[in-house]
Every structure is written in structure tokens, then in C-alpha cells.
Amino acid sequence: MATENIVKTAPVQLTDRAAIEVKKIREEKNMSPEYALRLGVKGGGCSGMSYLLGFDQQKDTDELYEISGVSVLVDKRHAMYILGMEVDFEDGLNARGFVFNNPQAKSTCGCGSSFSA
């Protein structure tokens, strides 16, 4: 059985608002198509781990997904920490930016950008 035909389910989701904002940023920055949105984690932050969100080129350890019309890179080693996470974008009076709703997080900090698993 050939594995290249198997459709992979993305470990994360983007809300419509987040996808629209990512596409807007790509357009404003005139980004090359070889760059995709990278979602992941790194050590640090006030709760132990913090989220990565930015544009990058695919590396050997990455899985590439198409989520809401956005090419998304996830390092295979990070997938377990963000499994089931939803990325949203808020543009309100009190806050503007990407919001991470992660069911894997056991605790989060007040700023919402770091967590412990």
C-alpha cells in the first residue's frame, strides 16, 4: 500500500479569522510560496513552553498540511504538544492577535502564549 496517497489529518485547526489574517500577512509581506506558516512549541515562557507562529521553509522533520487554504508546517516532534489546538485571531478593543486554544495545556500563563503540558 502506497502511503503517499493517504490524506493526513492536521493536528491543529485555524479558525476562519486566523486563516484570513495569515493570508493577509502573506500578501502584505509579498512572501514567496516556498514559505509556509509554522506552528509549534519551544521551551521557555512563564509556564514552561511557548508557542511558535511564523513563516518558514519546510525542513526534513516537518509535516506539511493544508488548513483552511493555508500551508502549515508542524515539526513531527511538536505534534503531540499541539494536538487538537485551535488557532484563532482576535481583533477587539482589549486585544489584537493570534490566540491559542490548546486542550493539551495543563496550565497557561496570564498572557496566553505559554503553557505546561
Protein backbone atom coordinates (compact mmCIF):
# COMPACT_ATOMS: atom_id res chain seq x y z
CA MET A 1 0.00 0.00 0.00
CA ALA A 2 1.44 3.39 -1.03
CA THR A 3 1.44 5.90 1.82
CA GLU A 4 1.76 8.98 -0.41
CA ASN A 5 -1.98 8.78 -1.23
CA ILE A 6 -3.09 8.78 2.41
CA VAL A 7 -4.58 12.10 3.47
CA LYS A 8 -3.16 13.23 6.80
CA THR A 9 -5.39 14.92 9.32
CA ALA A 10 -3.80 18.10 10.61
CA PRO A 11 -3.06 18.13 14.36
CA VAL A 12 -4.23 21.77 14.57
CA GLN A 13 -7.01 23.90 13.14
CA LEU A 14 -7.19 27.53 12.07
CA THR A 15 -10.41 29.46 12.50
CA ASP A 16 -11.65 31.41 9.50
CA ARG A 17 -10.47 34.65 11.17
CA ALA A 18 -6.97 33.24 11.71
CA ALA A 19 -6.74 31.95 8.12
CA ILE A 20 -7.85 35.31 6.74
CA GLU A 21 -5.24 37.13 8.85
CA VAL A 22 -2.44 34.74 7.81
CA LYS A 23 -3.33 35.20 4.13
CA LYS A 24 -3.42 38.99 4.64
CA ILE A 25 0.04 38.97 6.25
CA ARG A 26 1.43 36.80 3.42
CA GLU A 27 0.06 39.23 0.86
CA GLU A 28 1.25 42.37 2.67
CA LYS A 29 4.77 40.93 3.07
CA ASN A 30 4.77 39.62 -0.54
CA MET A 31 6.00 36.21 0.69
CA SER A 32 7.40 33.58 -1.62
CA PRO A 33 5.19 30.46 -1.99
CA GLU A 34 8.06 28.33 -0.63
CA TYR A 35 7.29 29.73 2.84
CA ALA A 36 4.50 28.22 4.93
CA LEU A 37 3.07 29.05 8.33
CA ARG A 38 5.00 27.23 11.07
CA LEU A 39 3.12 26.19 14.21
CA GLY A 40 4.99 24.60 17.08
CA VAL A 41 6.37 24.93 20.57
CA LYS A 42 9.65 25.81 22.23
CA GLY A 43 10.93 25.65 25.77
CA GLY A 44 10.58 28.81 27.82
CA GLY A 45 7.88 31.23 28.82
CA CYS A 46 6.45 31.64 32.28
CA SER A 47 4.63 28.26 32.18
CA GLY A 48 7.41 26.11 30.68
CA MET A 49 6.68 26.09 26.95
CA SER A 50 5.66 28.78 24.49
CA TYR A 51 4.08 28.68 21.06
CA LEU A 52 5.87 29.24 17.76
CA LEU A 53 4.00 31.00 15.00
CA GLY A 54 5.78 32.37 11.95
CA PHE A 55 6.69 31.72 8.35
CA ASP A 56 9.42 29.26 7.43
CA GLN A 57 10.62 26.83 4.78
CA GLN A 58 9.96 23.12 5.16
CA LYS A 59 12.60 21.04 6.95
CA ASP A 60 13.16 17.27 6.97
CA THR A 61 11.37 16.82 10.31
CA ASP A 62 8.24 18.73 9.20
CA GLU A 63 4.83 17.58 8.10
CA LEU A 64 3.06 19.90 5.66
CA TYR A 65 -0.71 20.36 5.92
CA GLU A 66 -3.27 22.43 4.05
CA ILE A 67 -5.56 24.00 6.67
CA SER A 68 -8.31 26.44 5.66
CA GLY A 69 -6.39 27.29 2.49
CA VAL A 70 -3.12 27.92 4.38
CA SER A 71 0.02 25.77 4.04
CA VAL A 72 1.03 24.87 7.60
CA LEU A 73 4.28 23.27 8.79
CA VAL A 74 4.43 21.24 12.01
CA ASP A 75 7.64 19.62 13.24
CA LYS A 76 6.81 15.96 13.91
CA ARG A 77 8.36 16.28 17.38
CA HIS A 78 5.96 19.12 18.29
CA ALA A 79 2.71 17.50 17.15
CA MET A 80 1.96 15.80 20.48
CA TYR A 81 2.05 19.16 22.30
CA ILE A 82 -0.37 20.90 19.95
CA LEU A 83 -2.69 18.03 19.03
CA GLY A 84 -6.24 19.36 18.89
CA MET A 85 -5.16 23.01 19.20
CA GLU A 86 -7.18 25.72 17.51
CA VAL A 87 -5.55 28.98 16.44
CA ASP A 88 -7.88 31.96 16.34
CA PHE A 89 -7.38 35.66 15.65
CA GLU A 90 -8.94 38.35 17.82
CA ASP A 91 -9.29 41.94 16.78
CA GLY A 92 -11.13 43.58 19.65
CA LEU A 93 -10.85 46.57 21.94
CA ASN A 94 -8.91 44.70 24.63
CA ALA A 95 -6.67 42.53 22.48
CA ARG A 96 -5.48 42.02 18.92
CA GLY A 97 -3.55 38.97 17.82
CA PHE A 98 -3.46 35.23 17.47
CA VAL A 99 -4.96 33.15 20.28
CA PHE A 100 -4.03 29.53 21.01
CA ASN A 101 -6.76 27.25 22.37
CA ASN A 102 -4.85 24.11 23.34
CA PRO A 103 -6.64 21.17 25.03
CA GLN A 104 -3.21 19.61 25.81
CA ALA A 105 -2.25 22.52 28.09
CA LYS A 106 -2.49 21.63 31.79
CA SER A 107 -1.91 25.25 32.77
CA THR A 108 -1.35 28.53 30.97
CA CYS A 109 0.07 31.89 31.89
CA GLY A 110 -1.90 35.13 32.01
CA CYS A 111 -0.70 36.24 28.58
CA GLY A 112 -1.89 33.03 26.90
CA SER A 113 1.32 32.49 24.94
CA SER A 114 2.92 29.89 27.20
CA PHE A 115 1.70 26.67 28.77
CA SER A 116 2.71 23.48 30.55
CA ALA A 117 1.84 20.04 29.25
